[in-house]
Amino acid sequence: LCIHNSLTKEKNLFVPIDPSGREITWYCYGSTVYDAGHLGHARNYVPTDVLRRILRDYFGFKVQFVPNVTDVDDKV
């Protein structure tokens, strides 16, 4: 599995940190929600979920995936 490095514009081999090379831990920052939910909030979650499923189902990685939603309730 190769990934595109946007800094160097090159393809790099994907190597998990896990010594077995089969487990991926992934923390994904999510939306910062200021108002009512809408379809645009899904823009972040749908592609990351598709990528997670490809890593798990096609490449056979064990993926520990933690998405985040930031709920801001400050009256600044």
C-alpha atoms as a PDB file:
ATOM      1  CA  LEU A   1       0.000   0.000   0.000  1.00  0.00           C
ATOM      2  CA  CYS A   2       1.441   3.359  -1.035  1.00  0.00           C
ATOM      3  CA  ILE A   3       0.249   6.786   0.033  1.00  0.00           C
ATOM      4  CA  HIS A   4       0.795  10.156  -1.593  1.00  0.00           C
ATOM      5  CA  ASN A   5       2.985  12.516   0.429  1.00  0.00           C
ATOM      6  CA  SER A   6       1.619  15.978  -0.361  1.00  0.00           C
ATOM      7  CA  LEU A   7       4.760  17.641   1.023  1.00  0.00           C
ATOM      8  CA  THR A   8       7.276  15.850  -1.212  1.00  0.00           C
ATOM      9  CA  LYS A   9       4.811  15.013  -4.046  1.00  0.00           C
ATOM     10  CA  GLU A  10       6.009  11.394  -3.946  1.00  0.00           C
ATOM     11  CA  LYS A  11       4.434   8.034  -3.211  1.00  0.00           C
ATOM     12  CA  ASN A  12       5.628   6.447   0.034  1.00  0.00           C
ATOM     13  CA  LEU A  13       5.168   2.909   1.291  1.00  0.00           C
ATOM     14  CA  PHE A  14       2.595   2.800   4.122  1.00  0.00           C
ATOM     15  CA  VAL A  15       4.181   1.152   7.162  1.00  0.00           C
ATOM     16  CA  PRO A  16       2.083   0.916  10.366  1.00  0.00           C
ATOM     17  CA  ILE A  17       3.806   1.739  13.657  1.00  0.00           C
ATOM     18  CA  ASP A  18       2.586  -1.572  15.115  1.00  0.00           C
ATOM     19  CA  PRO A  19       5.464  -4.123  15.184  1.00  0.00           C
ATOM     20  CA  SER A  20       3.269  -6.794  13.582  1.00  0.00           C
ATOM     21  CA  GLY A  21       2.495  -4.435  10.709  1.00  0.00           C
ATOM     22  CA  ARG A  22      -1.189  -5.352  10.734  1.00  0.00           C
ATOM     23  CA  GLU A  23      -2.769  -2.916  13.225  1.00  0.00           C
ATOM     24  CA  ILE A  24      -3.504   0.748  12.553  1.00  0.00           C
ATOM     25  CA  THR A  25      -4.548   3.272  15.190  1.00  0.00           C
ATOM     26  CA  TRP A  26      -6.187   6.334  13.649  1.00  0.00           C
ATOM     27  CA  TYR A  27      -7.531   9.466  15.331  1.00  0.00           C
ATOM     28  CA  CYS A  28      -9.479  11.728  12.997  1.00  0.00           C
ATOM     29  CA  TYR A  29     -10.413  15.294  13.832  1.00  0.00           C
ATOM     30  CA  GLY A  30     -14.015  15.965  13.002  1.00  0.00           C
ATOM     31  CA  SER A  31     -16.308  18.877  12.512  1.00  0.00           C
ATOM     32  CA  THR A  32     -16.576  21.776  14.899  1.00  0.00           C
ATOM     33  CA  VAL A  33     -20.315  22.181  15.028  1.00  0.00           C
ATOM     34  CA  TYR A  34     -21.631  25.698  15.600  1.00  0.00           C
ATOM     35  CA  ASP A  35     -25.191  25.304  14.325  1.00  0.00           C
ATOM     36  CA  ALA A  36     -27.760  22.692  13.332  1.00  0.00           C
ATOM     37  CA  GLY A  37     -26.480  19.613  11.547  1.00  0.00           C
ATOM     38  CA  HIS A  38     -26.458  19.562   7.757  1.00  0.00           C
ATOM     39  CA  LEU A  39     -25.100  17.445   4.909  1.00  0.00           C
ATOM     40  CA  GLY A  40     -21.813  19.359   4.839  1.00  0.00           C
ATOM     41  CA  HIS A  41     -20.905  17.847   8.207  1.00  0.00           C
ATOM     42  CA  ALA A  42     -20.861  14.419   6.547  1.00  0.00           C
ATOM     43  CA  ARG A  43     -18.181  15.619   4.111  1.00  0.00           C
ATOM     44  CA  ASN A  44     -15.468  14.745   6.602  1.00  0.00           C
ATOM     45  CA  TYR A  45     -16.887  11.454   7.866  1.00  0.00           C
ATOM     46  CA  VAL A  46     -17.901   9.708   4.637  1.00  0.00           C
ATOM     47  CA  PRO A  47     -14.446   9.676   2.939  1.00  0.00           C
ATOM     48  CA  THR A  48     -12.644   8.675   6.140  1.00  0.00           C
ATOM     49  CA  ASP A  49     -15.143   5.854   6.717  1.00  0.00           C
ATOM     50  CA  VAL A  50     -14.688   4.612   3.158  1.00  0.00           C
ATOM     51  CA  LEU A  51     -10.899   4.649   3.584  1.00  0.00           C
ATOM     52  CA  ARG A  52     -11.195   2.849   6.938  1.00  0.00           C
ATOM     53  CA  ARG A  53     -13.324   0.113   5.330  1.00  0.00           C
ATOM     54  CA  ILE A  54     -10.857  -0.305   2.460  1.00  0.00           C
ATOM     55  CA  LEU A  55      -7.958  -0.634   4.911  1.00  0.00           C
ATOM     56  CA  ARG A  56      -9.915  -3.183   6.942  1.00  0.00           C
ATOM     57  CA  ASP A  57     -11.745  -5.212   4.289  1.00  0.00           C
ATOM     58  CA  TYR A  58      -9.415  -5.080   1.278  1.00  0.00           C
ATOM     59  CA  PHE A  59      -5.951  -4.791   2.822  1.00  0.00           C
ATOM     60  CA  GLY A  60      -6.772  -6.786   5.965  1.00  0.00           C
ATOM     61  CA  PHE A  61      -5.523  -4.295   8.555  1.00  0.00           C
ATOM     62  CA  LYS A  62      -7.001  -4.235  12.047  1.00  0.00           C
ATOM     63  CA  VAL A  63      -8.105  -0.599  12.293  1.00  0.00           C
ATOM     64  CA  GLN A  64      -8.780   1.167  15.581  1.00  0.00           C
ATOM     65  CA  PHE A  65     -10.559   4.298  14.345  1.00  0.00           C
ATOM     66  CA  VAL A  66     -11.581   7.158  16.655  1.00  0.00           C
ATOM     67  CA  PRO A  67     -13.523  10.042  15.070  1.00  0.00           C
ATOM     68  CA  ASN A  68     -14.088  13.296  16.911  1.00  0.00           C
ATOM     69  CA  VAL A  69     -16.931  15.834  17.027  1.00  0.00           C
ATOM     70  CA  THR A  70     -16.253  19.125  18.764  1.00  0.00           C
ATOM     71  CA  ASP A  71     -19.314  20.650  20.353  1.00  0.00           C
ATOM     72  CA  VAL A  72     -18.691  24.357  20.870  1.00  0.00           C
ATOM     73  CA  ASP A  73     -21.086  26.067  23.231  1.00  0.00           C
ATOM     74  CA  ASP A  74     -19.301  29.271  24.091  1.00  0.00           C
ATOM     75  CA  LYS A  75     -20.828  32.714  23.689  1.00  0.00           C
ATOM     76  CA  VAL A  76     -17.630  34.518  22.715  1.00  0.00           C
END
